C-alpha atoms as a PDB file:
ATOM      1  CA  MET A   1      24.542-177.272  -3.909  1.00  0.00           C
ATOM      2  CA  SER A   2      23.438-175.533  -7.093  1.00  0.00           C
ATOM      3  CA  HIS A   3      19.809-175.749  -5.943  1.00  0.00           C
ATOM      4  CA  ILE A   4      20.745-173.935  -2.698  1.00  0.00           C
ATOM      5  CA  VAL A   5      22.527-171.125  -4.620  1.00  0.00           C
ATOM      6  CA  LYS A   6      19.580-170.676  -6.954  1.00  0.00           C
ATOM      7  CA  GLY A   7      17.245-170.499  -3.989  1.00  0.00           C
ATOM      8  CA  LEU A   8      19.324-167.816  -2.290  1.00  0.00           C
ATOM      9  CA  ILE A   9      19.404-165.735  -5.495  1.00  0.00           C
ATOM     10  CA  GLY A  10      15.624-166.008  -5.852  1.00  0.00           C
ATOM     11  CA  ILE A  11      15.097-164.895  -2.246  1.00  0.00           C
ATOM     12  CA  ALA A  12      17.397-161.874  -2.814  1.00  0.00           C
ATOM     13  CA  TRP A  13      15.485-160.777  -5.956  1.00  0.00           C
ATOM     14  CA  LEU A  14      12.174-161.121  -4.095  1.00  0.00           C
ATOM     15  CA  CYS A  15      13.406-158.877  -1.270  1.00  0.00           C
ATOM     16  CA  ILE A  16      14.588-156.216  -3.747  1.00  0.00           C
ATOM     17  CA  ALA A  17      11.238-156.253  -5.599  1.00  0.00           C
ATOM     18  CA  GLN A  18       9.250-155.933  -2.357  1.00  0.00           C
ATOM     19  CA  GLN A  19      11.395-152.957  -1.214  1.00  0.00           C
ATOM     20  CA  SER A  20      10.954-151.153  -4.549  1.00  0.00           C
ATOM     21  CA  ALA A  21       7.196-151.694  -4.496  1.00  0.00           C
ATOM     22  CA  ALA A  22       6.952-150.309  -0.961  1.00  0.00           C
ATOM     23  CA  GLN A  23       8.547-147.036  -2.126  1.00  0.00           C
ATOM     24  CA  MET A  24       6.055-146.496  -4.987  1.00  0.00           C
ATOM     25  CA  PRO A  25       2.749-144.627  -4.267  1.00  0.00           C
ATOM     26  CA  THR A  26      -0.419-146.664  -4.434  1.00  0.00           C
ATOM     27  CA  ASN A  27      -2.155-143.982  -6.579  1.00  0.00           C
ATOM     28  CA  PHE A  28       0.735-143.428  -8.976  1.00  0.00           C
ATOM     29  CA  SER A  29      -1.372-142.683 -12.077  1.00  0.00           C
ATOM     30  CA  PHE A  30      -3.509-140.020 -10.350  1.00  0.00           C
ATOM     31  CA  GLU A  31      -0.563-138.184  -8.789  1.00  0.00           C
ATOM     32  CA  THR A  32       1.297-138.146 -12.085  1.00  0.00           C
ATOM     33  CA  ALA A  33      -1.719-136.682 -13.895  1.00  0.00           C
ATOM     34  CA  ASP A  34      -2.208-134.052 -11.190  1.00  0.00           C
ATOM     35  CA  THR A  35       1.454-133.022 -11.331  1.00  0.00           C
ATOM     36  CA  LEU A  36       1.247-132.599 -15.088  1.00  0.00           C
ATOM     37  CA  LYS A  37      -1.868-130.488 -14.697  1.00  0.00           C
ATOM     38  CA  VAL A  38      -0.195-128.148 -12.213  1.00  0.00           C
ATOM     39  CA  GLU A  39       2.902-127.777 -14.376  1.00  0.00           C
ATOM     40  CA  GLY A  40       0.714-126.984 -17.381  1.00  0.00           C
ATOM     41  CA  THR A  41      -1.068-124.304 -15.380  1.00  0.00           C
ATOM     42  CA  LYS A  42       2.212-122.702 -14.351  1.00  0.00           C
ATOM     43  CA  GLN A  43       3.307-122.514 -17.964  1.00  0.00           C
ATOM     44  CA  GLY A  44      -0.043-121.182 -19.228  1.00  0.00           C
ATOM     45  CA  ALA A  45      -0.430-117.874 -21.065  1.00  0.00           C
ATOM     46  CA  HIS A  46      -0.840-114.793 -18.849  1.00  0.00           C
ATOM     47  CA  TRP A  47      -0.445-111.981 -21.433  1.00  0.00           C
ATOM     48  CA  VAL A  48      -2.666-111.309 -24.441  1.00  0.00           C
ATOM     49  CA  VAL A  49      -1.989-108.632 -27.094  1.00  0.00           C
ATOM     50  CA  LYS A  50      -5.122-107.670 -29.059  1.00  0.00           C
ATOM     51  CA  PHE A  51      -6.129-105.673 -32.118  1.00  0.00           C
ATOM     52  CA  SER A  52      -9.640-104.313 -32.792  1.00  0.00           C
ATOM     53  CA  PRO A  53     -10.525-104.603 -36.511  1.00  0.00           C
ATOM     54  CA  LEU A  54     -13.960-102.954 -36.145  1.00  0.00           C
ATOM     55  CA  SER A  55     -12.382 -99.762 -34.771  1.00  0.00           C
ATOM     56  CA  ALA A  56     -10.409 -99.385 -38.001  1.00  0.00           C
ATOM     57  CA  ILE A  57     -13.576 -99.369 -40.144  1.00  0.00           C
ATOM     58  CA  ASP A  58     -15.587 -97.116 -37.816  1.00  0.00           C
ATOM     59  CA  ILE A  59     -16.742 -93.685 -39.060  1.00  0.00           C
ATOM     60  CA  GLU A  60     -14.098 -92.105 -36.844  1.00  0.00           C
ATOM     61  CA  SER A  61     -11.509 -94.664 -37.867  1.00  0.00           C
ATOM     62  CA  ILE A  62      -8.869 -95.439 -35.228  1.00  0.00           C
ATOM     63  CA  TYR A  63      -6.356 -98.224 -34.709  1.00  0.00           C
ATOM     64  CA  ARG A  64      -6.717 -99.769 -31.263  1.00  0.00           C
ATOM     65  CA  VAL A  65      -4.317-102.093 -29.459  1.00  0.00           C
ATOM     66  CA  ASP A  66      -4.965-103.607 -26.014  1.00  0.00           C
ATOM     67  CA  VAL A  67      -2.936-105.743 -23.627  1.00  0.00           C
ATOM     68  CA  GLU A  68      -4.582-108.092 -21.120  1.00  0.00           C
ATOM     69  CA  ARG A  69      -2.809-109.440 -18.043  1.00  0.00           C
ATOM     70  CA  LEU A  70      -4.174-112.362 -16.046  1.00  0.00           C
ATOM     71  CA  LEU A  71      -3.855-111.415 -12.369  1.00  0.00           C
ATOM     72  CA  GLY A  72      -4.580-114.835 -10.941  1.00  0.00           C
ATOM     73  CA  GLY A  73      -7.644-116.997 -10.549  1.00  0.00           C
ATOM     74  CA  ARG A  74     -10.540-115.500 -12.457  1.00  0.00           C
ATOM     75  CA  PHE A  75      -9.441-111.837 -12.574  1.00  0.00           C
ATOM     76  CA  SER A  76      -7.560-109.900 -15.231  1.00  0.00           C
ATOM     77  CA  MET A  77      -6.785-106.304 -16.174  1.00  0.00           C
ATOM     78  CA  GLN A  78      -6.827-104.914 -19.705  1.00  0.00           C
ATOM     79  CA  GLY A  79      -5.674-101.539 -20.982  1.00  0.00           C
ATOM     80  CA  GLY A  80      -4.960-100.025 -24.357  1.00  0.00           C
ATOM     81  CA  LEU A  81      -4.483 -97.023 -26.608  1.00  0.00           C
ATOM     82  CA  ALA A  82      -5.964 -96.015 -29.953  1.00  0.00           C
ATOM     83  CA  TYR A  83      -5.071 -93.381 -32.513  1.00  0.00           C
ATOM     84  CA  GLY A  84      -6.309 -92.206 -35.891  1.00  0.00           C
ATOM     85  CA  ASN A  85      -5.760 -89.354 -38.343  1.00  0.00           C
ATOM     86  CA  ARG A  86      -6.482 -88.567 -41.981  1.00  0.00           C
ATOM     87  CA  ALA A  87      -3.230 -90.080 -43.229  1.00  0.00           C
ATOM     88  CA  ILE A  88      -3.941 -93.570 -41.872  1.00  0.00           C
ATOM     89  CA  GLN A  89      -7.751 -93.698 -41.764  1.00  0.00           C
ATOM     90  CA  LEU A  90      -9.654 -96.055 -44.047  1.00  0.00           C
ATOM     91  CA  TRP A  91     -12.284 -93.345 -44.651  1.00  0.00           C
ATOM     92  CA  PRO A  92     -10.192 -90.139 -45.022  1.00  0.00           C
ATOM     93  CA  ASN A  93     -12.928 -88.117 -46.757  1.00  0.00           C
ATOM     94  CA  ASN A  94     -15.706 -88.480 -44.184  1.00  0.00           C
ATOM     95  CA  ASN A  95     -14.949 -85.220 -42.375  1.00  0.00           C
ATOM     96  CA  SER A  96     -14.894 -82.137 -44.602  1.00  0.00           C
ATOM     97  CA  SER A  97     -15.115 -79.592 -41.769  1.00  0.00           C
ATOM     98  CA  ALA A  98     -11.887 -80.774 -40.079  1.00  0.00           C
ATOM     99  CA  PRO A  99      -9.689 -82.623 -42.597  1.00  0.00           C
ATOM    100  CA  ASP A 100      -6.658 -82.616 -40.278  1.00  0.00           C
ATOM    101  CA  ARG A 101      -8.514 -84.134 -37.334  1.00  0.00           C
ATOM    102  CA  GLU A 102      -6.732 -86.630 -35.107  1.00  0.00           C
ATOM    103  CA  ILE A 103      -8.305 -88.838 -32.448  1.00  0.00           C
ATOM    104  CA  TRP A 104      -6.815 -90.318 -29.296  1.00  0.00           C
ATOM    105  CA  ARG A 105      -8.442 -92.913 -27.064  1.00  0.00           C
ATOM    106  CA  ALA A 106      -7.363 -94.689 -23.872  1.00  0.00           C
ATOM    107  CA  GLN A 107      -9.273 -97.435 -22.073  1.00  0.00           C
ATOM    108  CA  LEU A 108      -8.882 -99.473 -18.919  1.00  0.00           C
ATOM    109  CA  GLU A 109     -10.909-102.555 -18.038  1.00  0.00           C
ATOM    110  CA  GLY A 110     -11.206-104.995 -15.164  1.00  0.00           C
ATOM    111  CA  ARG A 111     -12.501-108.483 -15.898  1.00  0.00           C
ATOM    112  CA  MET A 112     -13.884-111.392 -13.936  1.00  0.00           C
ATOM    113  CA  TYR A 113     -14.038-114.699 -15.805  1.00  0.00           C
ATOM    114  CA  LEU A 114     -16.904-117.076 -15.050  1.00  0.00           C
ATOM    115  CA  ASN A 115     -17.111-120.873 -14.749  1.00  0.00           C
ATOM    116  CA  ARG A 116     -13.435-121.413 -13.982  1.00  0.00           C
ATOM    117  CA  THR A 117     -13.801-124.979 -12.627  1.00  0.00           C
ATOM    118  CA  ARG A 118     -14.560-128.082 -14.693  1.00  0.00           C
ATOM    119  CA  PRO A 119     -15.837-131.131 -12.753  1.00  0.00           C
ATOM    120  CA  ALA A 120     -14.122-134.500 -12.838  1.00  0.00           C
ATOM    121  CA  ASN A 121     -15.269-136.941 -15.494  1.00  0.00           C
ATOM    122  CA  ARG A 122     -14.478-140.421 -16.801  1.00  0.00           C
ATOM    123  CA  LEU A 123     -11.402-139.267 -18.715  1.00  0.00           C
ATOM    124  CA  ARG A 124     -10.168-136.801 -16.071  1.00  0.00           C
ATOM    125  CA  PRO A 125     -10.516-138.129 -12.506  1.00  0.00           C
ATOM    126  CA  TYR A 126      -9.863-134.729 -10.868  1.00  0.00           C
ATOM    127  CA  PRO A 127     -11.535-131.276 -11.089  1.00  0.00           C
ATOM    128  CA  LEU A 128      -9.783-128.917 -13.515  1.00  0.00           C
ATOM    129  CA  THR A 129      -9.301-125.224 -12.673  1.00  0.00           C
ATOM    130  CA  ILE A 130      -8.827-123.034 -15.751  1.00  0.00           C
ATOM    131  CA  SER A 131      -5.963-120.612 -15.224  1.00  0.00           C
ATOM    132  CA  LYS A 132      -5.934-118.933 -18.637  1.00  0.00           C
ATOM    133  CA  PRO A 133      -7.816-115.867 -19.985  1.00  0.00           C
ATOM    134  CA  LEU A 134     -10.539-117.961 -21.619  1.00  0.00           C
ATOM    135  CA  GLY A 135     -14.307-118.276 -21.300  1.00  0.00           C
ATOM    136  CA  SER A 136     -17.199-115.971 -20.516  1.00  0.00           C
ATOM    137  CA  TYR A 137     -16.555-112.846 -18.479  1.00  0.00           C
ATOM    138  CA  VAL A 138     -18.063-109.727 -16.899  1.00  0.00           C
ATOM    139  CA  ALA A 139     -16.093-106.485 -17.212  1.00  0.00           C
ATOM    140  CA  ILE A 140     -16.178-102.850 -16.154  1.00  0.00           C
ATOM    141  CA  GLU A 141     -14.578-100.500 -18.690  1.00  0.00           C
ATOM    142  CA  THR A 142     -13.676 -96.820 -18.420  1.00  0.00           C
ATOM    143  CA  PHE A 143     -12.392 -94.767 -21.341  1.00  0.00           C
ATOM    144  CA  TYR A 144     -11.205 -91.312 -22.361  1.00  0.00           C
ATOM    145  CA  LYS A 145     -11.402 -89.977 -25.911  1.00  0.00           C
ATOM    146  CA  GLN A 146     -10.166 -86.739 -27.421  1.00  0.00           C
ATOM    147  CA  ALA A 147     -10.507 -85.322 -30.940  1.00  0.00           C
ATOM    148  CA  ASN A 148      -8.325 -82.417 -32.108  1.00  0.00           C
ATOM    149  CA  ALA A 149      -8.759 -80.307 -35.249  1.00  0.00           C
ATOM    150  CA  HIS A 150      -7.789 -76.899 -36.598  1.00  0.00           C
ATOM    151  CA  PHE A 151     -10.420 -74.610 -38.104  1.00  0.00           C
ATOM    152  CA  ASP A 152     -10.771 -71.117 -39.546  1.00  0.00           C
ATOM    153  CA  GLY A 153     -13.436 -68.705 -38.409  1.00  0.00           C
ATOM    154  CA  VAL A 154     -14.661 -65.156 -38.769  1.00  0.00           C
ATOM    155  CA  LEU A 155     -15.862 -62.728 -36.086  1.00  0.00           C
ATOM    156  CA  GLU A 156     -18.146 -59.829 -37.003  1.00  0.00           C
ATOM    157  CA  ARG A 157     -17.231 -56.768 -34.927  1.00  0.00           C
ATOM    158  CA  GLY A 158     -18.709 -53.334 -34.419  1.00  0.00           C
ATOM    159  CA  CYS A 159     -22.254 -54.445 -35.125  1.00  0.00           C
ATOM    160  CA  ASP A 160     -24.006 -52.231 -32.532  1.00  0.00           C
ATOM    161  CA  ASN A 161     -25.939 -50.217 -35.140  1.00  0.00           C
ATOM    162  CA  GLY A 162     -26.904 -53.148 -37.295  1.00  0.00           C
ATOM    163  CA  ASN A 163     -24.170 -53.062 -39.889  1.00  0.00           C
ATOM    164  CA  CYS A 164     -20.859 -54.571 -38.811  1.00  0.00           C
ATOM    165  CA  GLN A 165     -17.832 -52.338 -39.207  1.00  0.00           C
ATOM    166  CA  PHE A 166     -15.296 -55.089 -39.972  1.00  0.00           C
ATOM    167  CA  PHE A 167     -14.703 -58.815 -39.982  1.00  0.00           C
ATOM    168  CA  GLU A 168     -11.845 -60.567 -38.190  1.00  0.00           C
ATOM    169  CA  SER A 169     -10.490 -63.846 -39.548  1.00  0.00           C
ATOM    170  CA  TYR A 170      -8.709 -66.245 -37.247  1.00  0.00           C
ATOM    171  CA  SER A 171      -7.363 -69.798 -36.993  1.00  0.00           C
ATOM    172  CA  ALA A 172      -7.991 -71.817 -33.859  1.00  0.00           C
ATOM    173  CA  ARG A 173      -7.967 -75.324 -32.464  1.00  0.00           C
ATOM    174  CA  ALA A 174     -11.119 -77.306 -31.639  1.00  0.00           C
ATOM    175  CA  LEU A 175     -11.170 -80.116 -29.090  1.00  0.00           C
ATOM    176  CA  ARG A 176     -13.833 -82.668 -28.267  1.00  0.00           C
ATOM    177  CA  TYR A 177     -13.598 -84.590 -24.977  1.00  0.00           C
ATOM    178  CA  VAL A 178     -15.487 -87.768 -24.134  1.00  0.00           C
ATOM    179  CA  ILE A 179     -15.319 -89.838 -20.954  1.00  0.00           C
ATOM    180  CA  GLY A 180     -17.492 -92.786 -20.036  1.00  0.00           C
ATOM    181  CA  GLY A 181     -17.844 -96.319 -18.812  1.00  0.00           C
ATOM    182  CA  HIS A 182     -19.558 -99.589 -19.710  1.00  0.00           C
ATOM    183  CA  LEU A 183     -20.658-102.779 -18.016  1.00  0.00           C
ATOM    184  CA  LYS A 184     -19.757-105.491 -20.495  1.00  0.00           C
ATOM    185  CA  LEU A 185     -20.502-109.166 -21.084  1.00  0.00           C
ATOM    186  CA  GLY A 186     -18.209-111.098 -23.363  1.00  0.00           C
ATOM    187  CA  ARG A 187     -16.472-114.309 -24.201  1.00  0.00           C
ATOM    188  CA  GLN A 188     -12.886-115.051 -25.164  1.00  0.00           C
ATOM    189  CA  SER A 189     -12.155-118.256 -27.061  1.00  0.00           C
ATOM    190  CA  ALA A 190      -9.080-119.947 -28.488  1.00  0.00           C
ATOM    191  CA  ILE A 191      -8.551-120.718 -32.162  1.00  0.00           C
ATOM    192  CA  ARG A 192      -6.416-123.821 -32.711  1.00  0.00           C
ATOM    193  CA  LEU A 193      -3.684-123.114 -35.254  1.00  0.00           C
ATOM    194  CA  SER A 194      -2.099-126.553 -34.910  1.00  0.00           C
ATOM    195  CA  GLU A 195      -2.045-129.560 -32.592  1.00  0.00           C
ATOM    196  CA  THR A 196       0.335-127.727 -30.248  1.00  0.00           C
ATOM    197  CA  ASN A 197      -0.647-124.074 -30.784  1.00  0.00           C
ATOM    198  CA  ASN A 198      -3.992-122.626 -29.681  1.00  0.00           C
ATOM    199  CA  ARG A 199      -2.734-119.179 -28.638  1.00  0.00           C
ATOM    200  CA  LEU A 200      -4.727-117.211 -31.201  1.00  0.00           C
ATOM    201  CA  LEU A 201      -7.790-115.783 -29.400  1.00  0.00           C
ATOM    202  CA  ILE A 202     -11.023-114.099 -30.413  1.00  0.00           C
ATOM    203  CA  ASP A 203     -12.786-111.806 -27.944  1.00  0.00           C
ATOM    204  CA  TYR A 204     -16.329-110.554 -28.581  1.00  0.00           C
ATOM    205  CA  TYR A 205     -18.360-108.407 -26.189  1.00  0.00           C
ATOM    206  CA  PHE A 206     -21.443-106.249 -25.683  1.00  0.00           C
ATOM    207  CA  GLY A 207     -21.974-103.543 -23.097  1.00  0.00           C
ATOM    208  CA  LEU A 208     -24.138-100.654 -21.889  1.00  0.00           C
ATOM    209  CA  GLY A 209     -23.081 -97.530 -20.046  1.00  0.00           C
ATOM    210  CA  LEU A 210     -22.926 -93.746 -19.986  1.00  0.00           C
ATOM    211  CA  ARG A 211     -20.729 -91.133 -21.633  1.00  0.00           C
ATOM    212  CA  ALA A 212     -20.220 -87.401 -21.170  1.00  0.00           C
ATOM    213  CA  ARG A 213     -19.127 -85.085 -23.999  1.00  0.00           C
ATOM    214  CA  TRP A 214     -17.993 -81.460 -24.016  1.00  0.00           C
ATOM    215  CA  PHE A 215     -16.063 -79.098 -26.296  1.00  0.00           C
ATOM    216  CA  GLU A 216     -13.288 -76.556 -26.103  1.00  0.00           C
ATOM    217  CA  GLN A 217     -11.885 -74.063 -28.613  1.00  0.00           C
ATOM    218  CA  ARG A 218      -8.410 -72.640 -28.136  1.00  0.00           C
ATOM    219  CA  GLY A 219      -6.926 -69.656 -29.929  1.00  0.00           C
ATOM    220  CA  VAL A 220     -10.183 -67.812 -30.586  1.00  0.00           C
ATOM    221  CA  PRO A 221      -9.845 -64.002 -30.155  1.00  0.00           C
ATOM    222  CA  GLU A 222     -11.872 -62.174 -27.546  1.00  0.00           C
ATOM    223  CA  TYR A 223     -15.417 -61.919 -28.856  1.00  0.00           C
ATOM    224  CA  GLU A 224     -17.416 -59.995 -26.259  1.00  0.00           C
ATOM    225  CA  ASP A 225     -18.183 -57.279 -28.828  1.00  0.00           C
ATOM    226  CA  ALA A 226     -18.754 -59.707 -31.699  1.00  0.00           C
ATOM    227  CA  ARG A 227     -22.190 -60.604 -32.987  1.00  0.00           C
ATOM    228  CA  PRO A 228     -23.400 -63.426 -30.672  1.00  0.00           C
ATOM    229  CA  ALA A 229     -25.100 -65.370 -33.471  1.00  0.00           C
ATOM    230  CA  THR A 230     -21.839 -65.951 -35.269  1.00  0.00           C
ATOM    231  CA  PHE A 231     -20.029 -67.912 -32.578  1.00  0.00           C
ATOM    232  CA  THR A 232     -20.654 -70.415 -29.816  1.00  0.00           C
ATOM    233  CA  ARG A 233     -18.235 -72.468 -27.753  1.00  0.00           C
ATOM    234  CA  ASN A 234     -20.734 -75.366 -27.543  1.00  0.00           C
ATOM    235  CA  TRP A 235     -20.426 -76.066 -31.256  1.00  0.00           C
ATOM    236  CA  ASP A 236     -18.426 -79.148 -32.219  1.00  0.00           C
ATOM    237  CA  ARG A 237     -15.878 -78.174 -34.892  1.00  0.00           C
ATOM    238  CA  THR A 238     -14.211 -81.611 -35.054  1.00  0.00           C
ATOM    239  CA  SER A 239     -16.841 -83.481 -37.105  1.00  0.00           C
ATOM    240  CA  ASP A 240     -19.716 -83.106 -39.571  1.00  0.00           C
ATOM    241  CA  PHE A 241     -22.300 -84.703 -37.269  1.00  0.00           C
ATOM    242  CA  SER A 242     -23.376 -81.682 -35.158  1.00  0.00           C
ATOM    243  CA  LEU A 243     -22.633 -83.471 -31.896  1.00  0.00           C
ATOM    244  CA  GLN A 244     -24.053 -81.924 -28.736  1.00  0.00           C
ATOM    245  CA  ALA A 245     -22.461 -81.561 -25.326  1.00  0.00           C
ATOM    246  CA  GLY A 246     -24.053 -83.453 -22.437  1.00  0.00           C
ATOM    247  CA  ARG A 247     -24.487 -86.897 -20.908  1.00  0.00           C
ATOM    248  CA  TYR A 248     -25.859 -89.744 -22.999  1.00  0.00           C
ATOM    249  CA  PRO A 249     -26.414 -93.520 -22.869  1.00  0.00           C
ATOM    250  CA  SER A 250     -23.594 -95.445 -24.484  1.00  0.00           C
ATOM    251  CA  LEU A 251     -23.454 -98.746 -26.333  1.00  0.00           C
ATOM    252  CA  ALA A 252     -20.292-100.816 -26.701  1.00  0.00           C
ATOM    253  CA  PHE A 253     -19.867-103.878 -28.874  1.00  0.00           C
ATOM    254  CA  GLY A 254     -16.935-105.271 -30.785  1.00  0.00           C
ATOM    255  CA  VAL A 255     -14.548-108.045 -31.667  1.00  0.00           C
ATOM    256  CA  GLN A 256     -10.850-108.276 -30.862  1.00  0.00           C
ATOM    257  CA  ILE A 257      -8.245-110.644 -32.253  1.00  0.00           C
ATOM    258  CA  GLY A 258      -5.431-111.507 -29.838  1.00  0.00           C
ATOM    259  CA  TYR A 259      -2.391-113.668 -29.339  1.00  0.00           C
ATOM    260  CA  ALA A 260      -1.462-115.119 -25.958  1.00  0.00           C
ATOM    261  CA  PHE A 261       2.060-115.241 -24.510  1.00  0.00           C
END
């Protein structure tokens, strides 16, 4: 009798084991790995906040901050602002003609990352699609820059007969405008801070483009009867470099340090 009971119990356990096995997928290990990959992609970083150290040590020192947003797939958008004045510049004495100069800059950039797919290999039996702002990229950047400075000037009036009758002093505001764009090539890489943190990024790029520059002076008195040689609106009063108005080739290169969220 005991042998019959033991046989029935063994048959019952066999039926339960066969039913459980039938409910398990035949490719369990691959599906589990793929699910983990998808979840990791969903939780990946999509925002990057960046600082440009080279802009701070430039001749026209400014402090630039950018924010990059991954739009999906291989595309992202980056925009930022920059500002500098004598009080916060690293080189405050490099501009004697306009010591109170301040500089504003705004930039907007669209990126396309390259080589987003990694083929399957012995350790990873499925293709991997990178869904983070990493790797080589091509970008189109547009920017706007403005420099403001106050200056003092003198107009010579009543000079019809050779000798000027009087001189008029004035204070005015000089502005320099620059707009342009670049086609850029770059690469953004991760720096591993620990075994579980590789969110610190370094972004380095090089680009070529065009820029246009022109000047404006506000607050200058009417000067139709002033000596022409003493004044021109095409003179840059915001720097010591005798910049000229016009369109010029433009070179862009730099390094940014960022942190991903």
